[in-house]
PDB file of N, CA and C in Angstrom:
ATOM      1  N   UNK A   1       0.845  -1.172   0.000  1.00  0.00           N
ATOM      2  CA  UNK A   1       0.000   0.000   0.000  1.00  0.00           C
ATOM      3  C   UNK A   1       0.892   1.238   0.000  1.00  0.00           C
ATOM      4  N   UNK A   2       0.625   2.157  -0.922  1.00  0.00           N
ATOM      5  CA  UNK A   2       1.419   3.382  -1.004  1.00  0.00           C
ATOM      6  C   UNK A   2       0.945   4.396   0.032  1.00  0.00           C
ATOM      7  N   UNK A   3       1.739   5.419   0.227  1.00  0.00           N
ATOM      8  CA  UNK A   3       1.365   6.482   1.160  1.00  0.00           C
ATOM      9  C   UNK A   3       0.050   7.137   0.726  1.00  0.00           C
ATOM     10  N   UNK A   4      -0.105   7.315  -0.572  1.00  0.00           N
ATOM     11  CA  UNK A   4      -1.332   7.914  -1.094  1.00  0.00           C
ATOM     12  C   UNK A   4      -2.532   7.010  -0.827  1.00  0.00           C
ATOM     13  N   UNK A   5      -2.353   5.691  -0.976  1.00  0.00           N
ATOM     14  CA  UNK A   5      -3.428   4.730  -0.687  1.00  0.00           C
ATOM     15  C   UNK A   5      -3.835   4.799   0.784  1.00  0.00           C
ATOM     16  N   UNK A   6      -2.845   4.902   1.652  1.00  0.00           N
ATOM     17  CA  UNK A   6      -3.103   4.977   3.094  1.00  0.00           C
ATOM     18  C   UNK A   6      -3.925   6.223   3.417  1.00  0.00           C
ATOM     19  N   UNK A   7      -3.508   7.361   2.878  1.00  0.00           N
ATOM     20  CA  UNK A   7      -4.226   8.599   3.149  1.00  0.00           C
ATOM     21  C   UNK A   7      -5.648   8.553   2.596  1.00  0.00           C
ATOM     22  N   UNK A   8      -5.802   8.033   1.401  1.00  0.00           N
ATOM     23  CA  UNK A   8      -7.131   7.932   0.804  1.00  0.00           C
ATOM     24  C   UNK A   8      -8.036   7.028   1.625  1.00  0.00           C
ATOM     25  N   UNK A   9      -7.538   5.856   2.002  1.00  0.00           N
ATOM     26  CA  UNK A   9      -8.315   4.911   2.800  1.00  0.00           C
ATOM     27  C   UNK A   9      -8.675   5.518   4.156  1.00  0.00           C
ATOM     28  N   UNK A  10      -7.711   6.113   4.822  1.00  0.00           N
ATOM     29  CA  UNK A  10      -7.950   6.704   6.134  1.00  0.00           C
ATOM     30  C   UNK A  10      -8.984   7.815   6.100  1.00  0.00           C
ATOM     31  N   UNK A  11      -8.948   8.592   5.047  1.00  0.00           N
ATOM     32  CA  UNK A  11      -9.893   9.709   4.928  1.00  0.00           C
ATOM     33  C   UNK A  11     -11.306   9.255   4.580  1.00  0.00           C
ATOM     34  N   UNK A  12     -11.459   8.010   4.169  1.00  0.00           N
ATOM     35  CA  UNK A  12     -12.798   7.493   3.857  1.00  0.00           C
ATOM     36  C   UNK A  12     -13.427   6.766   5.052  1.00  0.00           C
ATOM     37  N   UNK A  13     -12.661   6.551   6.114  1.00  0.00           N
ATOM     38  CA  UNK A  13     -13.212   5.886   7.294  1.00  0.00           C
ATOM     39  C   UNK A  13     -14.244   6.788   7.977  1.00  0.00           C
ATOM     40  N   UNK A  14     -15.287   6.182   8.504  1.00  0.00           N
ATOM     41  CA  UNK A  14     -16.354   6.941   9.152  1.00  0.00           C
ATOM     42  C   UNK A  14     -15.828   7.786  10.314  1.00  0.00           C
ATOM     43  N   UNK A  15     -14.861   7.275  11.066  1.00  0.00           N
ATOM     44  CA  UNK A  15     -14.357   8.009  12.229  1.00  0.00           C
ATOM     45  C   UNK A  15     -13.442   9.172  11.856  1.00  0.00           C
ATOM     46  N   UNK A  16     -13.022   9.230  10.601  1.00  0.00           N
ATOM     47  CA  UNK A  16     -12.151  10.332  10.171  1.00  0.00           C
ATOM     48  C   UNK A  16     -12.835  11.678  10.373  1.00  0.00           C
ATOM     49  N   UNK A  17     -14.123  11.741  10.088  1.00  0.00           N
ATOM     50  CA  UNK A  17     -14.865  12.994  10.228  1.00  0.00           C
ATOM     51  C   UNK A  17     -14.874  13.502  11.674  1.00  0.00           C
ATOM     52  N   UNK A  18     -14.747  12.588  12.626  1.00  0.00           N
ATOM     53  CA  UNK A  18     -14.713  12.966  14.039  1.00  0.00           C
ATOM     54  C   UNK A  18     -13.311  13.311  14.520  1.00  0.00           C
ATOM     55  N   UNK A  19     -12.318  13.038  13.695  1.00  0.00           N
ATOM     56  CA  UNK A  19     -10.925  13.211  14.112  1.00  0.00           C
ATOM     57  C   UNK A  19     -10.458  14.652  13.938  1.00  0.00           C
ATOM     58  N   UNK A  20      -9.296  14.905  14.468  1.00  0.00           N
ATOM     59  CA  UNK A  20      -8.650  16.214  14.351  1.00  0.00           C
ATOM     60  C   UNK A  20      -8.214  16.487  12.911  1.00  0.00           C
ATOM     61  N   UNK A  21      -8.052  15.443  12.127  1.00  0.00           N
ATOM     62  CA  UNK A  21      -7.602  15.519  10.736  1.00  0.00           C
ATOM     63  C   UNK A  21      -6.225  16.187  10.634  1.00  0.00           C
ATOM     64  N   UNK A  22      -5.356  15.778  11.544  1.00  0.00           N
ATOM     65  CA  UNK A  22      -4.013  16.352  11.598  1.00  0.00           C
ATOM     66  C   UNK A  22      -3.191  16.033  10.357  1.00  0.00           C
ATOM     67  N   UNK A  23      -3.632  15.047   9.578  1.00  0.00           N
ATOM     68  CA  UNK A  23      -2.910  14.731   8.343  1.00  0.00           C
ATOM     69  C   UNK A  23      -2.919  15.913   7.380  1.00  0.00           C
ATOM     70  N   UNK A  24      -3.871  16.792   7.519  1.00  0.00           N
ATOM     71  CA  UNK A  24      -3.954  17.965   6.654  1.00  0.00           C
ATOM     72  C   UNK A  24      -3.042  19.086   7.128  1.00  0.00           C
ATOM     73  N   UNK A  25      -2.485  18.953   8.353  1.00  0.00           N
ATOM     74  CA  UNK A  25      -1.678  20.017   8.955  1.00  0.00           C
ATOM     75  C   UNK A  25      -0.232  19.620   9.221  1.00  0.00           C
ATOM     76  N   UNK A  26      -0.009  18.341   9.464  1.00  0.00           N
ATOM     77  CA  UNK A  26       1.312  17.875   9.902  1.00  0.00           C
ATOM     78  C   UNK A  26       2.289  17.734   8.736  1.00  0.00           C
ATOM     79  N   UNK A  27       3.556  17.825   9.069  1.00  0.00           N
ATOM     80  CA  UNK A  27       4.611  17.627   8.079  1.00  0.00           C
ATOM     81  C   UNK A  27       4.578  16.188   7.558  1.00  0.00           C
ATOM     82  N   UNK A  28       4.333  15.226   8.443  1.00  0.00           N
ATOM     83  CA  UNK A  28       4.204  13.825   8.050  1.00  0.00           C
ATOM     84  C   UNK A  28       2.722  13.460   8.123  1.00  0.00           C
ATOM     85  N   UNK A  29       2.022  13.475   6.990  1.00  0.00           N
ATOM     86  CA  UNK A  29       0.580  13.231   7.016  1.00  0.00           C
ATOM     87  C   UNK A  29       0.183  11.835   7.500  1.00  0.00           C
ATOM     88  N   UNK A  30       1.033  10.836   7.304  1.00  0.00           N
ATOM     89  CA  UNK A  30       0.710   9.487   7.777  1.00  0.00           C
ATOM     90  C   UNK A  30       0.671   9.482   9.307  1.00  0.00           C
ATOM     91  N   UNK A  31       1.655  10.095   9.932  1.00  0.00           N
ATOM     92  CA  UNK A  31       1.660  10.184  11.393  1.00  0.00           C
ATOM     93  C   UNK A  31       0.457  10.983  11.885  1.00  0.00           C
ATOM     94  N   UNK A  32       0.151  12.085  11.220  1.00  0.00           N
ATOM     95  CA  UNK A  32      -0.994  12.896  11.604  1.00  0.00           C
ATOM     96  C   UNK A  32      -2.297  12.127  11.489  1.00  0.00           C
ATOM     97  N   UNK A  33      -2.451  11.397  10.405  1.00  0.00           N
ATOM     98  CA  UNK A  33      -3.644  10.576  10.206  1.00  0.00           C
ATOM     99  C   UNK A  33      -3.733   9.500  11.278  1.00  0.00           C
ATOM    100  N   UNK A  34      -2.636   8.806  11.520  1.00  0.00           N
ATOM    101  CA  UNK A  34      -2.628   7.708  12.479  1.00  0.00           C
ATOM    102  C   UNK A  34      -3.024   8.209  13.873  1.00  0.00           C
ATOM    103  N   UNK A  35      -2.373   9.270  14.324  1.00  0.00           N
ATOM    104  CA  UNK A  35      -2.644   9.701  15.689  1.00  0.00           C
ATOM    105  C   UNK A  35      -4.034  10.326  15.829  1.00  0.00           C
ATOM    106  N   UNK A  36      -4.496  11.026  14.811  1.00  0.00           N
ATOM    107  CA  UNK A  36      -5.855  11.587  14.857  1.00  0.00           C
ATOM    108  C   UNK A  36      -6.894  10.479  14.985  1.00  0.00           C
ATOM    109  N   UNK A  37      -6.734   9.430  14.190  1.00  0.00           N
ATOM    110  CA  UNK A  37      -7.674   8.305  14.252  1.00  0.00           C
ATOM    111  C   UNK A  37      -7.531   7.545  15.565  1.00  0.00           C
ATOM    112  N   UNK A  38      -6.307   7.391  16.037  1.00  0.00           N
ATOM    113  CA  UNK A  38      -6.084   6.711  17.310  1.00  0.00           C
ATOM    114  C   UNK A  38      -6.795   7.454  18.443  1.00  0.00           C
ATOM    115  N   UNK A  39      -6.695   8.778  18.450  1.00  0.00           N
ATOM    116  CA  UNK A  39      -7.355   9.575  19.493  1.00  0.00           C
ATOM    117  C   UNK A  39      -8.859   9.351  19.495  1.00  0.00           C
ATOM    118  N   UNK A  40      -9.468   9.328  18.327  1.00  0.00           N
ATOM    119  CA  UNK A  40     -10.910   9.109  18.238  1.00  0.00           C
ATOM    120  C   UNK A  40     -11.248   7.707  18.748  1.00  0.00           C
ATOM    121  N   UNK A  41     -10.471   6.713  18.343  1.00  0.00           N
ATOM    122  CA  UNK A  41     -10.721   5.338  18.809  1.00  0.00           C
ATOM    123  C   UNK A  41     -10.613   5.238  20.318  1.00  0.00           C
ATOM    124  N   UNK A  42      -9.645   5.932  20.887  1.00  0.00           N
ATOM    125  CA  UNK A  42      -9.471   5.931  22.341  1.00  0.00           C
ATOM    126  C   UNK A  42     -10.680   6.574  23.029  1.00  0.00           C
ATOM    127  N   UNK A  43     -11.176   7.663  22.478  1.00  0.00           N
ATOM    128  CA  UNK A  43     -12.348   8.336  23.052  1.00  0.00           C
ATOM    129  C   UNK A  43     -13.586   7.444  22.989  1.00  0.00           C
ATOM    130  N   UNK A  44     -13.718   6.696  21.916  1.00  0.00           N
ATOM    131  CA  UNK A  44     -14.834   5.754  21.793  1.00  0.00           C
ATOM    132  C   UNK A  44     -14.665   4.628  22.805  1.00  0.00           C
ATOM    133  N   UNK A  45     -13.471   4.078  22.879  1.00  0.00           N
ATOM    134  CA  UNK A  45     -13.190   2.972  23.792  1.00  0.00           C
ATOM    135  C   UNK A  45     -13.524   3.329  25.239  1.00  0.00           C
ATOM    136  N   UNK A  46     -13.183   4.528  25.662  1.00  0.00           N
ATOM    137  CA  UNK A  46     -13.419   4.943  27.052  1.00  0.00           C
ATOM    138  C   UNK A  46     -14.804   5.553  27.273  1.00  0.00           C
ATOM    139  N   UNK A  47     -15.653   5.506  26.253  1.00  0.00           N
ATOM    140  CA  UNK A  47     -17.030   5.954  26.397  1.00  0.00           C
ATOM    141  C   UNK A  47     -17.228   7.458  26.379  1.00  0.00           C
ATOM    142  N   UNK A  48     -16.201   8.190  26.010  1.00  0.00           N
ATOM    143  CA  UNK A  48     -16.307   9.646  25.946  1.00  0.00           C
ATOM    144  C   UNK A  48     -17.099  10.054  24.706  1.00  0.00           C
ATOM    145  N   UNK A  49     -16.840   9.375  23.598  1.00  0.00           N
ATOM    146  CA  UNK A  49     -17.644   9.543  22.395  1.00  0.00           C
ATOM    147  C   UNK A  49     -18.611   8.380  22.328  1.00  0.00           C
ATOM    148  N   UNK A  50     -19.866   8.693  22.277  1.00  0.00           N
ATOM    149  CA  UNK A  50     -20.887   7.645  22.235  1.00  0.00           C
ATOM    150  C   UNK A  50     -21.567   7.660  20.868  1.00  0.00           C
ATOM    151  N   UNK A  51     -22.437   6.711  20.670  1.00  0.00           N
ATOM    152  CA  UNK A  51     -23.198   6.604  19.422  1.00  0.00           C
ATOM    153  C   UNK A  51     -22.307   6.414  18.200  1.00  0.00           C
ATOM    154  N   UNK A  52     -21.190   5.736  18.388  1.00  0.00           N
ATOM    155  CA  UNK A  52     -20.315   5.381  17.276  1.00  0.00           C
ATOM    156  C   UNK A  52     -20.546   3.905  16.985  1.00  0.00           C
ATOM    157  N   UNK A  53     -20.753   3.593  15.733  1.00  0.00           N
ATOM    158  CA  UNK A  53     -21.009   2.222  15.319  1.00  0.00           C
ATOM    159  C   UNK A  53     -19.794   1.338  15.622  1.00  0.00           C
ATOM    160  N   UNK A  54     -20.040   0.216  16.272  1.00  0.00           N
ATOM    161  CA  UNK A  54     -18.957  -0.716  16.640  1.00  0.00           C
ATOM    162  C   UNK A  54     -18.174  -1.173  15.408  1.00  0.00           C
ATOM    163  N   UNK A  55     -18.870  -1.395  14.320  1.00  0.00           N
ATOM    164  CA  UNK A  55     -18.209  -1.834  13.082  1.00  0.00           C
ATOM    165  C   UNK A  55     -17.248  -0.755  12.578  1.00  0.00           C
ATOM    166  N   UNK A  56     -17.661   0.506  12.625  1.00  0.00           N
ATOM    167  CA  UNK A  56     -16.790   1.613  12.209  1.00  0.00           C
ATOM    168  C   UNK A  56     -15.568   1.705  13.110  1.00  0.00           C
ATOM    169  N   UNK A  57     -15.770   1.504  14.416  1.00  0.00           N
ATOM    170  CA  UNK A  57     -14.655   1.547  15.362  1.00  0.00           C
ATOM    171  C   UNK A  57     -13.672   0.410  15.078  1.00  0.00           C
ATOM    172  N   UNK A  58     -14.196  -0.793  14.896  1.00  0.00           N
ATOM    173  CA  UNK A  58     -13.342  -1.951  14.614  1.00  0.00           C
ATOM    174  C   UNK A  58     -12.570  -1.766  13.312  1.00  0.00           C
ATOM    175  N   UNK A  59     -13.242  -1.236  12.293  1.00  0.00           N
ATOM    176  CA  UNK A  59     -12.581  -0.999  11.005  1.00  0.00           C
ATOM    177  C   UNK A  59     -11.421  -0.020  11.164  1.00  0.00           C
ATOM    178  N   UNK A  60     -11.622   0.999  11.968  1.00  0.00           N
ATOM    179  CA  UNK A  60     -10.570   1.992  12.171  1.00  0.00           C
ATOM    180  C   UNK A  60      -9.412   1.417  12.985  1.00  0.00           C
ATOM    181  N   UNK A  61      -9.709   0.651  14.013  1.00  0.00           N
ATOM    182  CA  UNK A  61      -8.657   0.011  14.800  1.00  0.00           C
ATOM    183  C   UNK A  61      -7.830  -0.930  13.911  1.00  0.00           C
ATOM    184  N   UNK A  62      -8.485  -1.702  13.083  1.00  0.00           N
ATOM    185  CA  UNK A  62      -7.777  -2.611  12.168  1.00  0.00           C
ATOM    186  C   UNK A  62      -6.887  -1.822  11.210  1.00  0.00           C
ATOM    187  N   UNK A  63      -7.405  -0.733  10.688  1.00  0.00           N
ATOM    188  CA  UNK A  63      -6.632   0.125   9.793  1.00  0.00           C
ATOM    189  C   UNK A  63      -5.392   0.657  10.508  1.00  0.00           C
ATOM    190  N   UNK A  64      -5.565   1.127  11.746  1.00  0.00           N
ATOM    191  CA  UNK A  64      -4.425   1.640  12.508  1.00  0.00           C
ATOM    192  C   UNK A  64      -3.351   0.580  12.689  1.00  0.00           C
ATOM    193  N   UNK A  65      -3.764  -0.623  13.012  1.00  0.00           N
ATOM    194  CA  UNK A  65      -2.798  -1.714  13.193  1.00  0.00           C
ATOM    195  C   UNK A  65      -2.105  -2.057  11.879  1.00  0.00           C
ATOM    196  N   UNK A  66      -2.853  -2.000  10.781  1.00  0.00           N
ATOM    197  CA  UNK A  66      -2.283  -2.317   9.464  1.00  0.00           C
ATOM    198  C   UNK A  66      -1.240  -1.306   9.020  1.00  0.00           C
ATOM    199  N   UNK A  67      -1.450  -0.034   9.348  1.00  0.00           N
ATOM    200  CA  UNK A  67      -0.525   0.994   8.852  1.00  0.00           C
ATOM    201  C   UNK A  67       0.491   1.458   9.893  1.00  0.00           C
ATOM    202  N   UNK A  68       0.423   0.941  11.082  1.00  0.00           N
ATOM    203  CA  UNK A  68       1.316   1.390  12.147  1.00  0.00           C
ATOM    204  C   UNK A  68       2.784   1.313  11.734  1.00  0.00           C
ATOM    205  N   UNK A  69       3.165   0.284  11.020  1.00  0.00           N
ATOM    206  CA  UNK A  69       4.569   0.138  10.608  1.00  0.00           C
ATOM    207  C   UNK A  69       4.981   1.177   9.561  1.00  0.00           C
ATOM    208  N   UNK A  70       4.006   1.853   8.959  1.00  0.00           N
ATOM    209  CA  UNK A  70       4.299   2.883   7.959  1.00  0.00           C
ATOM    210  C   UNK A  70       4.495   4.264   8.591  1.00  0.00           C
ATOM    211  N   UNK A  71       4.216   4.372   9.900  1.00  0.00           N
ATOM    212  CA  UNK A  71       4.383   5.656  10.575  1.00  0.00           C
ATOM    213  C   UNK A  71       5.851   5.873  10.922  1.00  0.00           C
ATOM    214  N   UNK A  72       6.177   7.093  11.212  1.00  0.00           N
ATOM    215  CA  UNK A  72       7.534   7.413  11.641  1.00  0.00           C
ATOM    216  C   UNK A  72       7.629   7.369  13.160  1.00  0.00           C
ATOM    217  N   UNK A  73       6.649   7.950  13.822  1.00  0.00           N
ATOM    218  CA  UNK A  73       6.717   8.123  15.270  1.00  0.00           C
ATOM    219  C   UNK A  73       5.975   7.070  16.083  1.00  0.00           C
ATOM    220  N   UNK A  74       5.127   6.267  15.461  1.00  0.00           N
ATOM    221  CA  UNK A  74       4.241   5.394  16.236  1.00  0.00           C
ATOM    222  C   UNK A  74       4.437   3.904  15.964  1.00  0.00           C
ATOM    223  N   UNK A  75       5.548   3.527  15.390  1.00  0.00           N
ATOM    224  CA  UNK A  75       5.787   2.126  15.052  1.00  0.00           C
ATOM    225  C   UNK A  75       5.753   1.216  16.274  1.00  0.00           C
ATOM    226  N   UNK A  76       6.219   1.682  17.400  1.00  0.00           N
ATOM    227  CA  UNK A  76       6.275   0.865  18.608  1.00  0.00           C
ATOM    228  C   UNK A  76       5.263   1.296  19.664  1.00  0.00           C
ATOM    229  N   UNK A  77       4.310   2.115  19.267  1.00  0.00           N
ATOM    230  CA  UNK A  77       3.293   2.624  20.175  1.00  0.00           C
ATOM    231  C   UNK A  77       2.386   1.486  20.627  1.00  0.00           C
ATOM    232  N   UNK A  78       2.125   1.420  21.926  1.00  0.00           N
ATOM    233  CA  UNK A  78       1.242   0.385  22.484  1.00  0.00           C
ATOM    234  C   UNK A  78      -0.187   0.881  22.555  1.00  0.00           C
ATOM    235  N   UNK A  79      -1.084   0.134  21.984  1.00  0.00           N
ATOM    236  CA  UNK A  79      -2.509   0.471  22.022  1.00  0.00           C
ATOM    237  C   UNK A  79      -3.028   0.355  23.450  1.00  0.00           C
ATOM    238  N   UNK A  80      -3.897   1.282  23.847  1.00  0.00           N
ATOM    239  CA  UNK A  80      -4.517   1.252  25.172  1.00  0.00           C
ATOM    240  C   UNK A  80      -5.761   0.382  25.176  1.00  0.00           C
ATOM    241  N   UNK A  81      -6.171  -0.076  24.028  1.00  0.00           N
ATOM    242  CA  UNK A  81      -7.395  -0.860  23.929  1.00  0.00           C
ATOM    243  C   UNK A  81      -7.176  -2.068  23.058  1.00  0.00           C
TER     244      UNK A  81
END
């Protein structure tokens, strides 16, 4: 998967709209995308964000795990959930 594929896929996820969308602001858009989506997933996991479809959450978590090795700063980051 290319960097462009990752960004396109990430931006089509349902939880992307709830995210900070840091990929549009950061120097490394993959890292920005990853951490923005991770933050939303964490908020859902801890019940801070409610009314999020479980399937959308699972899809985003799977995506994060799939692209984690493509990040610069989060390759060894431990998921809280």
